[in-house]
Amino acid sequence: VVGAQTRQALENALQKAPQQAAPSPAATLQEMPLFQKLKGCMPDGLSLEKIGQATTCAIKAGIDSAEKVQQVHVNGNMAHVIGTTAGFRASVDLAVTPPSLEASGQHLQALDQERGQQQRSSQVASMSA
């Protein structure tokens, strides 16, 4: 609960603050430490879209940070990201056309939102138990 003066001060500050556009999903994806780690482990000349696809696949497999990458193997047209946790691995077919960086970034945003909702639901369930 805030008083009328505090509320007015907050509203004034919000109106004066420059409106910053949210970074694009593609830019956000490329700034991730996991993306940078995979980029350094992949063969030279591999497109950023392929690295974005590998990043998305790794996160879906539970390898959600650079510290959780044990190694990356490229065997022919397949790239395998092996996590530090047993059984956590992701494979990407490098011969298949990858989604755009924008699409991969949006997919990751959707995954983050889904995980956030799941966490909130489990917190509410544990509080009511």
C-alpha atoms as a PDB file:
ATOM      1  CA  VAL A   1       0.000   0.000   0.000  1.00  0.00           C
ATOM      2  CA  VAL A   2       1.402   3.387  -1.015  1.00  0.00           C
ATOM      3  CA  GLY A   3       0.213   6.881  -0.275  1.00  0.00           C
ATOM      4  CA  ALA A   4      -1.064   9.369  -2.835  1.00  0.00           C
ATOM      5  CA  GLN A   5       2.241  11.286  -2.950  1.00  0.00           C
ATOM      6  CA  THR A   6       4.283   8.122  -3.482  1.00  0.00           C
ATOM      7  CA  ARG A   7       1.926   6.920  -6.185  1.00  0.00           C
ATOM      8  CA  GLN A   8       2.153  10.294  -7.974  1.00  0.00           C
ATOM      9  CA  ALA A   9       5.969  10.285  -7.721  1.00  0.00           C
ATOM     10  CA  LEU A  10       6.108   6.784  -9.223  1.00  0.00           C
ATOM     11  CA  GLU A  11       3.771   7.717 -12.059  1.00  0.00           C
ATOM     12  CA  ASN A  12       5.826  10.841 -12.822  1.00  0.00           C
ATOM     13  CA  ALA A  13       9.050   8.825 -12.862  1.00  0.00           C
ATOM     14  CA  LEU A  14       7.534   6.285 -15.255  1.00  0.00           C
ATOM     15  CA  GLN A  15       6.369   9.026 -17.608  1.00  0.00           C
ATOM     16  CA  LYS A  16       9.797  10.700 -17.639  1.00  0.00           C
ATOM     17  CA  ALA A  17      11.767   7.466 -18.112  1.00  0.00           C
ATOM     18  CA  PRO A  18      12.779   6.872 -21.722  1.00  0.00           C
ATOM     19  CA  GLN A  19      10.865   4.014 -23.243  1.00  0.00           C
ATOM     20  CA  GLN A  20      13.329   1.313 -24.142  1.00  0.00           C
ATOM     21  CA  ALA A  21      12.401  -1.319 -26.631  1.00  0.00           C
ATOM     22  CA  ALA A  22      12.811  -4.854 -25.407  1.00  0.00           C
ATOM     23  CA  PRO A  23      15.767  -6.588 -27.053  1.00  0.00           C
ATOM     24  CA  SER A  24      14.838  -8.878 -29.883  1.00  0.00           C
ATOM     25  CA  PRO A  25      14.696 -12.606 -29.104  1.00  0.00           C
ATOM     26  CA  ALA A  26      17.551 -13.157 -31.591  1.00  0.00           C
ATOM     27  CA  ALA A  27      19.810 -10.644 -29.823  1.00  0.00           C
ATOM     28  CA  THR A  28      18.942 -12.090 -26.426  1.00  0.00           C
ATOM     29  CA  LEU A  29      19.737 -15.607 -27.644  1.00  0.00           C
ATOM     30  CA  GLN A  30      23.145 -14.605 -28.995  1.00  0.00           C
ATOM     31  CA  GLU A  31      24.053 -12.930 -25.693  1.00  0.00           C
ATOM     32  CA  MET A  32      23.454 -16.096 -23.664  1.00  0.00           C
ATOM     33  CA  PRO A  33      26.603 -17.681 -22.202  1.00  0.00           C
ATOM     34  CA  LEU A  34      25.326 -21.088 -23.381  1.00  0.00           C
ATOM     35  CA  PHE A  35      25.075 -19.819 -26.975  1.00  0.00           C
ATOM     36  CA  GLN A  36      28.610 -18.408 -26.734  1.00  0.00           C
ATOM     37  CA  LYS A  37      29.949 -21.681 -25.298  1.00  0.00           C
ATOM     38  CA  LEU A  38      28.368 -23.751 -28.083  1.00  0.00           C
ATOM     39  CA  LYS A  39      29.586 -21.280 -30.694  1.00  0.00           C
ATOM     40  CA  GLY A  40      33.138 -21.831 -29.434  1.00  0.00           C
ATOM     41  CA  CYS A  41      32.736 -25.620 -29.542  1.00  0.00           C
ATOM     42  CA  MET A  42      31.161 -25.901 -32.994  1.00  0.00           C
ATOM     43  CA  PRO A  43      33.072 -26.062 -36.284  1.00  0.00           C
ATOM     44  CA  ASP A  44      34.135 -22.759 -37.838  1.00  0.00           C
ATOM     45  CA  GLY A  45      31.726 -21.420 -40.407  1.00  0.00           C
ATOM     46  CA  LEU A  46      28.637 -22.935 -38.809  1.00  0.00           C
ATOM     47  CA  SER A  47      25.729 -20.506 -39.094  1.00  0.00           C
ATOM     48  CA  LEU A  48      24.431 -18.627 -36.085  1.00  0.00           C
ATOM     49  CA  GLU A  49      21.024 -20.192 -36.812  1.00  0.00           C
ATOM     50  CA  LYS A  50      22.499 -23.695 -36.314  1.00  0.00           C
ATOM     51  CA  ILE A  51      24.091 -22.601 -33.055  1.00  0.00           C
ATOM     52  CA  GLY A  52      20.767 -21.095 -31.986  1.00  0.00           C
ATOM     53  CA  GLN A  53      19.051 -24.379 -32.789  1.00  0.00           C
ATOM     54  CA  ALA A  54      21.656 -26.296 -30.769  1.00  0.00           C
ATOM     55  CA  THR A  55      21.184 -23.876 -27.861  1.00  0.00           C
ATOM     56  CA  THR A  56      17.418 -24.366 -27.913  1.00  0.00           C
ATOM     57  CA  CYS A  57      17.765 -28.165 -28.065  1.00  0.00           C
ATOM     58  CA  ALA A  58      20.276 -28.164 -25.206  1.00  0.00           C
ATOM     59  CA  ILE A  59      17.989 -26.092 -22.986  1.00  0.00           C
ATOM     60  CA  LYS A  60      15.045 -28.382 -23.749  1.00  0.00           C
ATOM     61  CA  ALA A  61      17.258 -31.317 -22.706  1.00  0.00           C
ATOM     62  CA  GLY A  62      18.053 -29.703 -19.354  1.00  0.00           C
ATOM     63  CA  ILE A  63      21.428 -28.230 -20.299  1.00  0.00           C
ATOM     64  CA  ASP A  64      20.414 -24.675 -19.539  1.00  0.00           C
ATOM     65  CA  SER A  65      23.738 -22.998 -18.778  1.00  0.00           C
ATOM     66  CA  ALA A  66      27.275 -22.973 -20.139  1.00  0.00           C
ATOM     67  CA  GLU A  67      28.512 -24.580 -16.919  1.00  0.00           C
ATOM     68  CA  LYS A  68      26.321 -27.621 -17.577  1.00  0.00           C
ATOM     69  CA  VAL A  69      28.031 -28.437 -20.901  1.00  0.00           C
ATOM     70  CA  GLN A  70      30.550 -31.224 -20.466  1.00  0.00           C
ATOM     71  CA  GLN A  71      31.473 -31.530 -24.137  1.00  0.00           C
ATOM     72  CA  VAL A  72      30.272 -31.101 -27.693  1.00  0.00           C
ATOM     73  CA  HIS A  73      30.855 -33.762 -30.365  1.00  0.00           C
ATOM     74  CA  VAL A  74      30.366 -33.206 -34.060  1.00  0.00           C
ATOM     75  CA  ASN A  75      30.120 -36.439 -35.995  1.00  0.00           C
ATOM     76  CA  GLY A  76      29.330 -35.950 -39.657  1.00  0.00           C
ATOM     77  CA  ASN A  77      26.096 -33.973 -39.875  1.00  0.00           C
ATOM     78  CA  MET A  78      25.197 -34.462 -36.210  1.00  0.00           C
ATOM     79  CA  ALA A  79      26.208 -32.259 -33.298  1.00  0.00           C
ATOM     80  CA  HIS A  80      25.811 -33.715 -29.812  1.00  0.00           C
ATOM     81  CA  VAL A  81      25.816 -31.545 -26.696  1.00  0.00           C
ATOM     82  CA  ILE A  82      26.601 -33.649 -23.633  1.00  0.00           C
ATOM     83  CA  GLY A  83      25.702 -32.261 -20.232  1.00  0.00           C
ATOM     84  CA  THR A  84      27.485 -32.656 -16.933  1.00  0.00           C
ATOM     85  CA  THR A  85      24.439 -34.500 -15.575  1.00  0.00           C
ATOM     86  CA  ALA A  86      24.242 -38.119 -16.724  1.00  0.00           C
ATOM     87  CA  GLY A  87      21.614 -38.567 -19.419  1.00  0.00           C
ATOM     88  CA  PHE A  88      21.362 -34.883 -20.298  1.00  0.00           C
ATOM     89  CA  ARG A  89      22.233 -34.632 -23.980  1.00  0.00           C
ATOM     90  CA  ALA A  90      20.915 -32.947 -27.077  1.00  0.00           C
ATOM     91  CA  SER A  91      21.486 -33.776 -30.730  1.00  0.00           C
ATOM     92  CA  VAL A  92      21.099 -31.475 -33.706  1.00  0.00           C
ATOM     93  CA  ASP A  93      21.106 -32.514 -37.358  1.00  0.00           C
ATOM     94  CA  LEU A  94      23.362 -29.956 -39.026  1.00  0.00           C
ATOM     95  CA  ALA A  95      22.124 -30.946 -42.502  1.00  0.00           C
ATOM     96  CA  VAL A  96      18.577 -29.753 -41.775  1.00  0.00           C
ATOM     97  CA  THR A  97      17.699 -26.094 -42.321  1.00  0.00           C
ATOM     98  CA  PRO A  98      17.460 -24.518 -38.867  1.00  0.00           C
ATOM     99  CA  PRO A  99      14.816 -22.038 -37.736  1.00  0.00           C
ATOM    100  CA  SER A 100      15.792 -18.371 -37.775  1.00  0.00           C
ATOM    101  CA  LEU A 101      17.516 -16.894 -34.738  1.00  0.00           C
ATOM    102  CA  GLU A 102      14.346 -14.913 -34.119  1.00  0.00           C
ATOM    103  CA  ALA A 103      12.250 -18.116 -34.097  1.00  0.00           C
ATOM    104  CA  SER A 104      14.719 -19.909 -31.800  1.00  0.00           C
ATOM    105  CA  GLY A 105      14.715 -16.930 -29.429  1.00  0.00           C
ATOM    106  CA  GLN A 106      10.917 -16.822 -29.370  1.00  0.00           C
ATOM    107  CA  HIS A 107      10.826 -20.565 -28.677  1.00  0.00           C
ATOM    108  CA  LEU A 108      13.142 -20.062 -25.702  1.00  0.00           C
ATOM    109  CA  GLN A 109      10.973 -17.212 -24.405  1.00  0.00           C
ATOM    110  CA  ALA A 110       7.941 -19.499 -24.606  1.00  0.00           C
ATOM    111  CA  LEU A 111       9.840 -22.235 -22.725  1.00  0.00           C
ATOM    112  CA  ASP A 112      10.840 -19.724 -20.025  1.00  0.00           C
ATOM    113  CA  GLN A 113       7.248 -18.575 -19.614  1.00  0.00           C
ATOM    114  CA  GLU A 114       6.030 -22.175 -19.417  1.00  0.00           C
ATOM    115  CA  ARG A 115       8.646 -23.045 -16.788  1.00  0.00           C
ATOM    116  CA  GLY A 116       7.780 -19.918 -14.808  1.00  0.00           C
ATOM    117  CA  GLN A 117       4.105 -20.887 -14.779  1.00  0.00           C
ATOM    118  CA  GLN A 118       4.981 -24.418 -13.683  1.00  0.00           C
ATOM    119  CA  GLN A 119       7.150 -23.078 -10.848  1.00  0.00           C
ATOM    120  CA  ARG A 120       4.424 -20.703  -9.669  1.00  0.00           C
ATOM    121  CA  SER A 121       1.860 -23.503  -9.780  1.00  0.00           C
ATOM    122  CA  SER A 122       4.068 -25.813  -7.735  1.00  0.00           C
ATOM    123  CA  GLN A 123       4.780 -23.024  -5.200  1.00  0.00           C
ATOM    124  CA  VAL A 124       1.065 -22.347  -4.788  1.00  0.00           C
ATOM    125  CA  ALA A 125       0.373 -26.078  -4.409  1.00  0.00           C
ATOM    126  CA  SER A 126       3.077 -26.462  -1.757  1.00  0.00           C
ATOM    127  CA  MET A 127       1.812 -23.422   0.158  1.00  0.00           C
ATOM    128  CA  SER A 128      -1.740 -24.748   0.270  1.00  0.00           C
ATOM    129  CA  ALA A 129      -0.666 -28.217   1.354  1.00  0.00           C
END
